[in-house]
Amino acid sequence: MISPMASEPAPDVLVVDDDEDIRVSLERGLRLSGFSVRTAAGGVQALAAVAEREPSCIVLDVDMPGMDGVAVVTRLRELNVQAAVCMLSALVSVDPGDRPSRRR
């Protein structure tokens, strides 16, 4: 558990995942560890949240419908967002050619 000094705000983490159960679990664990947490259910929401206030760190799912995690990171870097990004995946590969096709 982190222990920020009383005068320092808790580090801000943005959790981005289309799976609500995963998003809520990560949010709960990070809050219990002393972080300030915001969430987004997808890539477009994540970019809007970052535009509102840049977080210290972004925990980002790779495989999301619409704008996937790789596209989000690409756009963040184009916008010169400096937040650290931790990408999560249950996939063996992040190469789009290796992903099974899925409909959403």
PDB file of N, CA and C in Angstrom:
ATOM      1  N   MET A   1       0.843  -1.168   0.000  1.00  0.00           N
ATOM      2  CA  MET A   1       0.000   0.000   0.000  1.00  0.00           C
ATOM      3  C   MET A   1       0.892   1.236   0.000  1.00  0.00           C
ATOM      4  N   ILE A   2       0.533   2.212  -0.838  1.00  0.00           N
ATOM      5  CA  ILE A   2       1.327   3.432  -0.895  1.00  0.00           C
ATOM      6  C   ILE A   2       0.918   4.348   0.239  1.00  0.00           C
ATOM      7  N   SER A   3       1.802   5.221   0.617  1.00  0.00           N
ATOM      8  CA  SER A   3       1.541   6.162   1.700  1.00  0.00           C
ATOM      9  C   SER A   3       1.953   7.551   1.273  1.00  0.00           C
ATOM     10  N   PRO A   4       1.127   8.230   0.434  1.00  0.00           N
ATOM     11  CA  PRO A   4       1.536   9.566   0.029  1.00  0.00           C
ATOM     12  C   PRO A   4       1.555  10.498   1.230  1.00  0.00           C
ATOM     13  N   MET A   5       2.441  11.473   1.177  1.00  0.00           N
ATOM     14  CA  MET A   5       2.506  12.449   2.262  1.00  0.00           C
ATOM     15  C   MET A   5       1.182  13.193   2.317  1.00  0.00           C
ATOM     16  N   ALA A   6       0.800  13.646   3.471  1.00  0.00           N
ATOM     17  CA  ALA A   6      -0.496  14.292   3.670  1.00  0.00           C
ATOM     18  C   ALA A   6      -0.723  15.462   2.721  1.00  0.00           C
ATOM     19  N   SER A   7       0.327  16.183   2.368  1.00  0.00           N
ATOM     20  CA  SER A   7       0.165  17.350   1.509  1.00  0.00           C
ATOM     21  C   SER A   7       0.122  16.995   0.022  1.00  0.00           C
ATOM     22  N   GLU A   8       0.442  15.760  -0.320  1.00  0.00           N
ATOM     23  CA  GLU A   8       0.460  15.337  -1.714  1.00  0.00           C
ATOM     24  C   GLU A   8      -0.830  14.596  -2.067  1.00  0.00           C
ATOM     25  N   PRO A   9      -1.427  14.922  -3.237  1.00  0.00           N
ATOM     26  CA  PRO A   9      -2.613  14.160  -3.652  1.00  0.00           C
ATOM     27  C   PRO A   9      -2.215  12.740  -4.059  1.00  0.00           C
ATOM     28  N   ALA A  10      -3.151  11.831  -3.931  1.00  0.00           N
ATOM     29  CA  ALA A  10      -2.892  10.450  -4.342  1.00  0.00           C
ATOM     30  C   ALA A  10      -2.650  10.405  -5.844  1.00  0.00           C
ATOM     31  N   PRO A  11      -1.741   9.548  -6.305  1.00  0.00           N
ATOM     32  CA  PRO A  11      -1.532   9.417  -7.752  1.00  0.00           C
ATOM     33  C   PRO A  11      -2.843   9.027  -8.433  1.00  0.00           C
ATOM     34  N   ASP A  12      -3.095   9.633  -9.593  1.00  0.00           N
ATOM     35  CA  ASP A  12      -4.335   9.431 -10.340  1.00  0.00           C
ATOM     36  C   ASP A  12      -4.133   8.342 -11.388  1.00  0.00           C
ATOM     37  N   VAL A  13      -4.968   7.291 -11.327  1.00  0.00           N
ATOM     38  CA  VAL A  13      -4.888   6.184 -12.273  1.00  0.00           C
ATOM     39  C   VAL A  13      -6.195   6.119 -13.058  1.00  0.00           C
ATOM     40  N   LEU A  14      -6.082   5.969 -14.363  1.00  0.00           N
ATOM     41  CA  LEU A  14      -7.243   5.766 -15.221  1.00  0.00           C
ATOM     42  C   LEU A  14      -7.266   4.298 -15.622  1.00  0.00           C
ATOM     43  N   VAL A  15      -8.349   3.590 -15.274  1.00  0.00           N
ATOM     44  CA  VAL A  15      -8.524   2.183 -15.627  1.00  0.00           C
ATOM     45  C   VAL A  15      -9.476   2.109 -16.812  1.00  0.00           C
ATOM     46  N   VAL A  16      -9.029   1.472 -17.896  1.00  0.00           N
ATOM     47  CA  VAL A  16      -9.830   1.383 -19.119  1.00  0.00           C
ATOM     48  C   VAL A  16     -10.009  -0.088 -19.493  1.00  0.00           C
ATOM     49  N   ASP A  17     -11.246  -0.554 -19.440  1.00  0.00           N
ATOM     50  CA  ASP A  17     -11.551  -1.938 -19.812  1.00  0.00           C
ATOM     51  C   ASP A  17     -13.021  -2.034 -20.172  1.00  0.00           C
ATOM     52  N   ASP A  18     -13.340  -2.750 -21.239  1.00  0.00           N
ATOM     53  CA  ASP A  18     -14.736  -2.910 -21.637  1.00  0.00           C
ATOM     54  C   ASP A  18     -15.474  -3.922 -20.767  1.00  0.00           C
ATOM     55  N   ASP A  19     -14.755  -4.724 -20.012  1.00  0.00           N
ATOM     56  CA  ASP A  19     -15.366  -5.702 -19.107  1.00  0.00           C
ATOM     57  C   ASP A  19     -15.589  -5.041 -17.749  1.00  0.00           C
ATOM     58  N   GLU A  20     -16.849  -4.841 -17.395  1.00  0.00           N
ATOM     59  CA  GLU A  20     -17.177  -4.123 -16.158  1.00  0.00           C
ATOM     60  C   GLU A  20     -16.617  -4.811 -14.918  1.00  0.00           C
ATOM     61  N   ASP A  21     -16.656  -6.140 -14.866  1.00  0.00           N
ATOM     62  CA  ASP A  21     -16.142  -6.855 -13.693  1.00  0.00           C
ATOM     63  C   ASP A  21     -14.653  -6.589 -13.485  1.00  0.00           C
ATOM     64  N   ILE A  22     -13.896  -6.613 -14.556  1.00  0.00           N
ATOM     65  CA  ILE A  22     -12.456  -6.346 -14.459  1.00  0.00           C
ATOM     66  C   ILE A  22     -12.220  -4.894 -14.054  1.00  0.00           C
ATOM     67  N   ARG A  23     -12.954  -3.990 -14.689  1.00  0.00           N
ATOM     68  CA  ARG A  23     -12.815  -2.554 -14.386  1.00  0.00           C
ATOM     69  C   ARG A  23     -13.089  -2.274 -12.914  1.00  0.00           C
ATOM     70  N   VAL A  24     -14.170  -2.829 -12.386  1.00  0.00           N
ATOM     71  CA  VAL A  24     -14.538  -2.602 -10.981  1.00  0.00           C
ATOM     72  C   VAL A  24     -13.520  -3.235 -10.039  1.00  0.00           C
ATOM     73  N   SER A  25     -13.043  -4.424 -10.368  1.00  0.00           N
ATOM     74  CA  SER A  25     -12.039  -5.092  -9.520  1.00  0.00           C
ATOM     75  C   SER A  25     -10.739  -4.300  -9.453  1.00  0.00           C
ATOM     76  N   LEU A  26     -10.273  -3.842 -10.616  1.00  0.00           N
ATOM     77  CA  LEU A  26      -9.049  -3.043 -10.634  1.00  0.00           C
ATOM     78  C   LEU A  26      -9.239  -1.738  -9.872  1.00  0.00           C
ATOM     79  N   GLU A  27     -10.379  -1.101 -10.084  1.00  0.00           N
ATOM     80  CA  GLU A  27     -10.656   0.158  -9.379  1.00  0.00           C
ATOM     81  C   GLU A  27     -10.627  -0.056  -7.871  1.00  0.00           C
ATOM     82  N   ARG A  28     -11.304  -1.085  -7.398  1.00  0.00           N
ATOM     83  CA  ARG A  28     -11.362  -1.361  -5.959  1.00  0.00           C
ATOM     84  C   ARG A  28      -9.964  -1.621  -5.382  1.00  0.00           C
ATOM     85  N   GLY A  29      -9.201  -2.460  -6.066  1.00  0.00           N
ATOM     86  CA  GLY A  29      -7.858  -2.774  -5.576  1.00  0.00           C
ATOM     87  C   GLY A  29      -6.944  -1.563  -5.539  1.00  0.00           C
ATOM     88  N   LEU A  30      -7.013  -0.745  -6.569  1.00  0.00           N
ATOM     89  CA  LEU A  30      -6.170   0.454  -6.609  1.00  0.00           C
ATOM     90  C   LEU A  30      -6.584   1.469  -5.545  1.00  0.00           C
ATOM     91  N   ARG A  31      -7.895   1.647  -5.344  1.00  0.00           N
ATOM     92  CA  ARG A  31      -8.368   2.565  -4.292  1.00  0.00           C
ATOM     93  C   ARG A  31      -7.911   2.092  -2.909  1.00  0.00           C
ATOM     94  N   LEU A  32      -8.034   0.789  -2.668  1.00  0.00           N
ATOM     95  CA  LEU A  32      -7.598   0.247  -1.378  1.00  0.00           C
ATOM     96  C   LEU A  32      -6.093   0.412  -1.168  1.00  0.00           C
ATOM     97  N   SER A  33      -5.361   0.541  -2.268  1.00  0.00           N
ATOM     98  CA  SER A  33      -3.910   0.747  -2.193  1.00  0.00           C
ATOM     99  C   SER A  33      -3.533   2.225  -2.123  1.00  0.00           C
ATOM    100  N   GLY A  34      -4.536   3.108  -2.092  1.00  0.00           N
ATOM    101  CA  GLY A  34      -4.259   4.525  -1.890  1.00  0.00           C
ATOM    102  C   GLY A  34      -4.262   5.392  -3.133  1.00  0.00           C
ATOM    103  N   PHE A  35      -4.632   4.829  -4.270  1.00  0.00           N
ATOM    104  CA  PHE A  35      -4.658   5.605  -5.503  1.00  0.00           C
ATOM    105  C   PHE A  35      -6.007   6.285  -5.692  1.00  0.00           C
ATOM    106  N   SER A  36      -5.989   7.401  -6.404  1.00  0.00           N
ATOM    107  CA  SER A  36      -7.201   8.047  -6.890  1.00  0.00           C
ATOM    108  C   SER A  36      -7.489   7.394  -8.235  1.00  0.00           C
ATOM    109  N   VAL A  37      -8.728   6.902  -8.440  1.00  0.00           N
ATOM    110  CA  VAL A  37      -9.013   6.110  -9.638  1.00  0.00           C
ATOM    111  C   VAL A  37     -10.215   6.668 -10.393  1.00  0.00           C
ATOM    112  N   ARG A  38     -10.051   6.762 -11.705  1.00  0.00           N
ATOM    113  CA  ARG A  38     -11.161   7.035 -12.617  1.00  0.00           C
ATOM    114  C   ARG A  38     -11.248   5.850 -13.563  1.00  0.00           C
ATOM    115  N   THR A  39     -12.417   5.630 -14.154  1.00  0.00           N
ATOM    116  CA  THR A  39     -12.575   4.507 -15.070  1.00  0.00           C
ATOM    117  C   THR A  39     -13.195   4.954 -16.385  1.00  0.00           C
ATOM    118  N   ALA A  40     -12.958   4.141 -17.406  1.00  0.00           N
ATOM    119  CA  ALA A  40     -13.566   4.335 -18.717  1.00  0.00           C
ATOM    120  C   ALA A  40     -13.851   2.956 -19.296  1.00  0.00           C
ATOM    121  N   ALA A  41     -14.972   2.847 -20.010  1.00  0.00           N
ATOM    122  CA  ALA A  41     -15.390   1.558 -20.559  1.00  0.00           C
ATOM    123  C   ALA A  41     -14.862   1.299 -21.965  1.00  0.00           C
ATOM    124  N   GLY A  42     -14.118   2.231 -22.526  1.00  0.00           N
ATOM    125  CA  GLY A  42     -13.591   2.039 -23.868  1.00  0.00           C
ATOM    126  C   GLY A  42     -12.618   3.130 -24.253  1.00  0.00           C
ATOM    127  N   GLY A  43     -12.080   2.999 -25.469  1.00  0.00           N
ATOM    128  CA  GLY A  43     -11.051   3.906 -25.940  1.00  0.00           C
ATOM    129  C   GLY A  43     -11.489   5.351 -26.074  1.00  0.00           C
ATOM    130  N   VAL A  44     -12.662   5.576 -26.625  1.00  0.00           N
ATOM    131  CA  VAL A  44     -13.138   6.948 -26.808  1.00  0.00           C
ATOM    132  C   VAL A  44     -13.357   7.613 -25.448  1.00  0.00           C
ATOM    133  N   GLN A  45     -13.948   6.880 -24.501  1.00  0.00           N
ATOM    134  CA  GLN A  45     -14.131   7.417 -23.143  1.00  0.00           C
ATOM    135  C   GLN A  45     -12.788   7.701 -22.488  1.00  0.00           C
ATOM    136  N   ALA A  46     -11.823   6.842 -22.722  1.00  0.00           N
ATOM    137  CA  ALA A  46     -10.495   7.041 -22.142  1.00  0.00           C
ATOM    138  C   ALA A  46      -9.864   8.333 -22.644  1.00  0.00           C
ATOM    139  N   LEU A  47      -9.938   8.563 -23.948  1.00  0.00           N
ATOM    140  CA  LEU A  47      -9.361   9.797 -24.508  1.00  0.00           C
ATOM    141  C   LEU A  47     -10.060  11.033 -23.954  1.00  0.00           C
ATOM    142  N   ALA A  48     -11.373  10.954 -23.765  1.00  0.00           N
ATOM    143  CA  ALA A  48     -12.113  12.082 -23.184  1.00  0.00           C
ATOM    144  C   ALA A  48     -11.677  12.322 -21.741  1.00  0.00           C
ATOM    145  N   ALA A  49     -11.486  11.249 -20.968  1.00  0.00           N
ATOM    146  CA  ALA A  49     -11.049  11.379 -19.574  1.00  0.00           C
ATOM    147  C   ALA A  49      -9.660  11.987 -19.484  1.00  0.00           C
ATOM    148  N   VAL A  50      -8.765  11.594 -20.392  1.00  0.00           N
ATOM    149  CA  VAL A  50      -7.403  12.131 -20.405  1.00  0.00           C
ATOM    150  C   VAL A  50      -7.420  13.611 -20.800  1.00  0.00           C
ATOM    151  N   ALA A  51      -8.292  13.972 -21.735  1.00  0.00           N
ATOM    152  CA  ALA A  51      -8.403  15.382 -22.150  1.00  0.00           C
ATOM    153  C   ALA A  51      -8.898  16.246 -20.992  1.00  0.00           C
ATOM    154  N   GLU A  52      -9.742  15.659 -20.158  1.00  0.00           N
ATOM    155  CA  GLU A  52     -10.272  16.383 -18.996  1.00  0.00           C
ATOM    156  C   GLU A  52      -9.181  16.597 -17.952  1.00  0.00           C
ATOM    157  N   ARG A  53      -8.415  15.547 -17.669  1.00  0.00           N
ATOM    158  CA  ARG A  53      -7.330  15.626 -16.684  1.00  0.00           C
ATOM    159  C   ARG A  53      -6.369  14.467 -16.928  1.00  0.00           C
ATOM    160  N   GLU A  54      -5.123  14.784 -17.252  1.00  0.00           N
ATOM    161  CA  GLU A  54      -4.152  13.736 -17.544  1.00  0.00           C
ATOM    162  C   GLU A  54      -3.800  12.970 -16.275  1.00  0.00           C
ATOM    163  N   PRO A  55      -3.942  11.647 -16.296  1.00  0.00           N
ATOM    164  CA  PRO A  55      -3.614  10.842 -15.119  1.00  0.00           C
ATOM    165  C   PRO A  55      -2.104  10.604 -15.003  1.00  0.00           C
ATOM    166  N   SER A  56      -1.698  10.099 -13.857  1.00  0.00           N
ATOM    167  CA  SER A  56      -0.298   9.701 -13.671  1.00  0.00           C
ATOM    168  C   SER A  56      -0.014   8.417 -14.440  1.00  0.00           C
ATOM    169  N   CYS A  57      -1.031   7.541 -14.480  1.00  0.00           N
ATOM    170  CA  CYS A  57      -0.873   6.221 -15.077  1.00  0.00           C
ATOM    171  C   CYS A  57      -2.202   5.783 -15.686  1.00  0.00           C
ATOM    172  N   ILE A  58      -2.120   5.005 -16.762  1.00  0.00           N
ATOM    173  CA  ILE A  58      -3.305   4.442 -17.404  1.00  0.00           C
ATOM    174  C   ILE A  58      -3.146   2.931 -17.445  1.00  0.00           C
ATOM    175  N   VAL A  59      -4.123   2.214 -16.893  1.00  0.00           N
ATOM    176  CA  VAL A  59      -4.172   0.758 -16.978  1.00  0.00           C
ATOM    177  C   VAL A  59      -5.172   0.464 -18.086  1.00  0.00           C
ATOM    178  N   LEU A  60      -4.706  -0.148 -19.163  1.00  0.00           N
ATOM    179  CA  LEU A  60      -5.459  -0.197 -20.410  1.00  0.00           C
ATOM    180  C   LEU A  60      -5.569  -1.610 -20.965  1.00  0.00           C
ATOM    181  N   ASP A  61      -6.801  -2.039 -21.225  1.00  0.00           N
ATOM    182  CA  ASP A  61      -7.042  -3.331 -21.864  1.00  0.00           C
ATOM    183  C   ASP A  61      -6.623  -3.242 -23.330  1.00  0.00           C
ATOM    184  N   VAL A  62      -6.005  -4.281 -23.844  1.00  0.00           N
ATOM    185  CA  VAL A  62      -5.590  -4.311 -25.242  1.00  0.00           C
ATOM    186  C   VAL A  62      -6.791  -4.572 -26.150  1.00  0.00           C
ATOM    187  N   ASP A  63      -7.580  -5.570 -25.810  1.00  0.00           N
ATOM    188  CA  ASP A  63      -8.630  -6.064 -26.704  1.00  0.00           C
ATOM    189  C   ASP A  63      -9.996  -5.513 -26.320  1.00  0.00           C
ATOM    190  N   MET A  64     -10.358  -4.370 -26.915  1.00  0.00           N
ATOM    191  CA  MET A  64     -11.661  -3.755 -26.680  1.00  0.00           C
ATOM    192  C   MET A  64     -12.332  -3.518 -28.023  1.00  0.00           C
ATOM    193  N   PRO A  65     -13.661  -3.553 -28.060  1.00  0.00           N
ATOM    194  CA  PRO A  65     -14.352  -3.256 -29.310  1.00  0.00           C
ATOM    195  C   PRO A  65     -14.193  -1.782 -29.671  1.00  0.00           C
ATOM    196  N   GLY A  66     -14.359  -1.480 -30.926  1.00  0.00           N
ATOM    197  CA  GLY A  66     -14.200  -0.089 -31.359  1.00  0.00           C
ATOM    198  C   GLY A  66     -12.731   0.267 -31.397  1.00  0.00           C
ATOM    199  N   MET A  67     -12.328   1.169 -30.542  1.00  0.00           N
ATOM    200  CA  MET A  67     -10.938   1.612 -30.457  1.00  0.00           C
ATOM    201  C   MET A  67     -10.203   0.726 -29.456  1.00  0.00           C
ATOM    202  N   ASP A  68      -9.312  -0.151 -29.952  1.00  0.00           N
ATOM    203  CA  ASP A  68      -8.603  -1.045 -29.039  1.00  0.00           C
ATOM    204  C   ASP A  68      -7.466  -0.315 -28.316  1.00  0.00           C
ATOM    205  N   GLY A  69      -6.827  -1.024 -27.387  1.00  0.00           N
ATOM    206  CA  GLY A  69      -5.791  -0.413 -26.564  1.00  0.00           C
ATOM    207  C   GLY A  69      -4.607   0.104 -27.350  1.00  0.00           C
ATOM    208  N   VAL A  70      -4.207  -0.595 -28.395  1.00  0.00           N
ATOM    209  CA  VAL A  70      -3.071  -0.149 -29.210  1.00  0.00           C
ATOM    210  C   VAL A  70      -3.416   1.172 -29.896  1.00  0.00           C
ATOM    211  N   ALA A  71      -4.637   1.299 -30.411  1.00  0.00           N
ATOM    212  CA  ALA A  71      -5.062   2.549 -31.046  1.00  0.00           C
ATOM    213  C   ALA A  71      -5.125   3.688 -30.030  1.00  0.00           C
ATOM    214  N   VAL A  72      -5.540   3.370 -28.799  1.00  0.00           N
ATOM    215  CA  VAL A  72      -5.595   4.391 -27.749  1.00  0.00           C
ATOM    216  C   VAL A  72      -4.188   4.902 -27.444  1.00  0.00           C
ATOM    217  N   VAL A  73      -3.243   3.997 -27.255  1.00  0.00           N
ATOM    218  CA  VAL A  73      -1.866   4.412 -26.954  1.00  0.00           C
ATOM    219  C   VAL A  73      -1.285   5.218 -28.104  1.00  0.00           C
ATOM    220  N   THR A  74      -1.540   4.790 -29.326  1.00  0.00           N
ATOM    221  CA  THR A  74      -1.056   5.536 -30.496  1.00  0.00           C
ATOM    222  C   THR A  74      -1.588   6.966 -30.467  1.00  0.00           C
ATOM    223  N   ARG A  75      -2.872   7.115 -30.200  1.00  0.00           N
ATOM    224  CA  ARG A  75      -3.480   8.460 -30.159  1.00  0.00           C
ATOM    225  C   ARG A  75      -2.938   9.268 -28.986  1.00  0.00           C
ATOM    226  N   LEU A  76      -2.765   8.634 -27.821  1.00  0.00           N
ATOM    227  CA  LEU A  76      -2.211   9.341 -26.661  1.00  0.00           C
ATOM    228  C   LEU A  76      -0.831   9.902 -26.971  1.00  0.00           C
ATOM    229  N   ARG A  77       0.000   9.116 -27.640  1.00  0.00           N
ATOM    230  CA  ARG A  77       1.351   9.572 -27.959  1.00  0.00           C
ATOM    231  C   ARG A  77       1.311  10.691 -29.001  1.00  0.00           C
ATOM    232  N   GLU A  78       0.372  10.602 -29.954  1.00  0.00           N
ATOM    233  CA  GLU A  78       0.209  11.691 -30.930  1.00  0.00           C
ATOM    234  C   GLU A  78      -0.178  12.994 -30.231  1.00  0.00           C
ATOM    235  N   LEU A  79      -0.937  12.872 -29.139  1.00  0.00           N
ATOM    236  CA  LEU A  79      -1.363  14.037 -28.364  1.00  0.00           C
ATOM    237  C   LEU A  79      -0.317  14.459 -27.330  1.00  0.00           C
ATOM    238  N   ASN A  80       0.827  13.771 -27.319  1.00  0.00           N
ATOM    239  CA  ASN A  80       1.926  14.043 -26.401  1.00  0.00           C
ATOM    240  C   ASN A  80       1.557  13.828 -24.936  1.00  0.00           C
ATOM    241  N   VAL A  81       0.666  12.886 -24.677  1.00  0.00           N
ATOM    242  CA  VAL A  81       0.318  12.521 -23.300  1.00  0.00           C
ATOM    243  C   VAL A  81       1.486  11.734 -22.728  1.00  0.00           C
ATOM    244  N   GLN A  82       1.950  12.139 -21.559  1.00  0.00           N
ATOM    245  CA  GLN A  82       3.139  11.550 -20.960  1.00  0.00           C
ATOM    246  C   GLN A  82       2.853  10.495 -19.898  1.00  0.00           C
ATOM    247  N   ALA A  83       1.589  10.215 -19.636  1.00  0.00           N
ATOM    248  CA  ALA A  83       1.233   9.232 -18.593  1.00  0.00           C
ATOM    249  C   ALA A  83       1.833   7.867 -18.920  1.00  0.00           C
ATOM    250  N   ALA A  84       2.275   7.176 -17.872  1.00  0.00           N
ATOM    251  CA  ALA A  84       2.728   5.799 -18.041  1.00  0.00           C
ATOM    252  C   ALA A  84       1.513   4.943 -18.394  1.00  0.00           C
ATOM    253  N   VAL A  85       1.717   3.934 -19.236  1.00  0.00           N
ATOM    254  CA  VAL A  85       0.619   3.063 -19.650  1.00  0.00           C
ATOM    255  C   VAL A  85       0.988   1.619 -19.345  1.00  0.00           C
ATOM    256  N   CYS A  86       0.093   0.936 -18.653  1.00  0.00           N
ATOM    257  CA  CYS A  86       0.234  -0.496 -18.379  1.00  0.00           C
ATOM    258  C   CYS A  86      -0.873  -1.193 -19.150  1.00  0.00           C
ATOM    259  N   MET A  87      -0.501  -2.023 -20.117  1.00  0.00           N
ATOM    260  CA  MET A  87      -1.503  -2.692 -20.948  1.00  0.00           C
ATOM    261  C   MET A  87      -1.771  -4.099 -20.429  1.00  0.00           C
ATOM    262  N   LEU A  88      -3.058  -4.445 -20.378  1.00  0.00           N
ATOM    263  CA  LEU A  88      -3.496  -5.753 -19.897  1.00  0.00           C
ATOM    264  C   LEU A  88      -4.102  -6.543 -21.035  1.00  0.00           C
ATOM    265  N   SER A  89      -3.859  -7.848 -21.036  1.00  0.00           N
ATOM    266  CA  SER A  89      -4.468  -8.686 -22.057  1.00  0.00           C
ATOM    267  C   SER A  89      -4.525 -10.128 -21.607  1.00  0.00           C
ATOM    268  N   ALA A  90      -5.592 -10.798 -21.987  1.00  0.00           N
ATOM    269  CA  ALA A  90      -5.683 -12.235 -21.790  1.00  0.00           C
ATOM    270  C   ALA A  90      -5.286 -12.948 -23.080  1.00  0.00           C
ATOM    271  N   LEU A  91      -4.878 -12.162 -24.084  1.00  0.00           N
ATOM    272  CA  LEU A  91      -4.495 -12.713 -25.380  1.00  0.00           C
ATOM    273  C   LEU A  91      -3.045 -13.179 -25.361  1.00  0.00           C
ATOM    274  N   VAL A  92      -2.732 -14.113 -26.234  1.00  0.00           N
ATOM    275  CA  VAL A  92      -1.362 -14.585 -26.369  1.00  0.00           C
ATOM    276  C   VAL A  92      -0.528 -13.565 -27.132  1.00  0.00           C
ATOM    277  N   SER A  93      -1.149 -12.839 -28.068  1.00  0.00           N
ATOM    278  CA  SER A  93      -0.442 -11.880 -28.916  1.00  0.00           C
ATOM    279  C   SER A  93      -1.264 -10.612 -29.042  1.00  0.00           C
ATOM    280  N   VAL A  94      -0.602  -9.471 -29.168  1.00  0.00           N
ATOM    281  CA  VAL A  94      -1.309  -8.217 -29.411  1.00  0.00           C
ATOM    282  C   VAL A  94      -1.340  -7.881 -30.900  1.00  0.00           C
ATOM    283  N   ASP A  95      -0.776  -8.744 -31.736  1.00  0.00           N
ATOM    284  CA  ASP A  95      -0.807  -8.539 -33.183  1.00  0.00           C
ATOM    285  C   ASP A  95      -2.238  -8.749 -33.679  1.00  0.00           C
ATOM    286  N   PRO A  96      -2.867  -7.719 -34.279  1.00  0.00           N
ATOM    287  CA  PRO A  96      -4.254  -7.849 -34.736  1.00  0.00           C
ATOM    288  C   PRO A  96      -4.472  -9.039 -35.670  1.00  0.00           C
ATOM    289  N   GLY A  97      -3.475  -9.420 -36.435  1.00  0.00           N
ATOM    290  CA  GLY A  97      -3.597 -10.559 -37.344  1.00  0.00           C
ATOM    291  C   GLY A  97      -3.710 -11.884 -36.611  1.00  0.00           C
ATOM    292  N   ASP A  98      -3.259 -11.922 -35.364  1.00  0.00           N
ATOM    293  CA  ASP A  98      -3.309 -13.153 -34.572  1.00  0.00           C
ATOM    294  C   ASP A  98      -4.585 -13.288 -33.750  1.00  0.00           C
ATOM    295  N   ARG A  99      -5.405 -12.236 -33.716  1.00  0.00           N
ATOM    296  CA  ARG A  99      -6.607 -12.254 -32.880  1.00  0.00           C
ATOM    297  C   ARG A  99      -7.730 -13.011 -33.570  1.00  0.00           C
ATOM    298  N   PRO A 100      -8.499 -13.752 -32.791  1.00  0.00           N
ATOM    299  CA  PRO A 100      -9.682 -14.381 -33.391  1.00  0.00           C
ATOM    300  C   PRO A 100     -10.679 -13.285 -33.756  1.00  0.00           C
ATOM    301  N   SER A 101     -11.409 -13.485 -34.842  1.00  0.00           N
ATOM    302  CA  SER A 101     -12.411 -12.480 -35.189  1.00  0.00           C
ATOM    303  C   SER A 101     -13.567 -12.604 -34.207  1.00  0.00           C
ATOM    304  N   ARG A 102     -14.150 -11.456 -33.885  1.00  0.00           N
ATOM    305  CA  ARG A 102     -15.273 -11.461 -32.972  1.00  0.00           C
ATOM    306  C   ARG A 102     -16.217 -10.343 -33.354  1.00  0.00           C
ATOM    307  N   ARG A 103     -17.455 -10.568 -33.104  1.00  0.00           N
ATOM    308  CA  ARG A 103     -18.452  -9.555 -33.416  1.00  0.00           C
ATOM    309  C   ARG A 103     -18.977  -8.959 -32.148  1.00  0.00           C
ATOM    310  N   ARG A 104     -19.102  -7.633 -32.165  1.00  0.00           N
ATOM    311  CA  ARG A 104     -19.707  -6.921 -31.028  1.00  0.00           C
ATOM    312  C   ARG A 104     -20.625  -5.887 -31.548  1.00  0.00           C
TER     313      ARG A 104
END
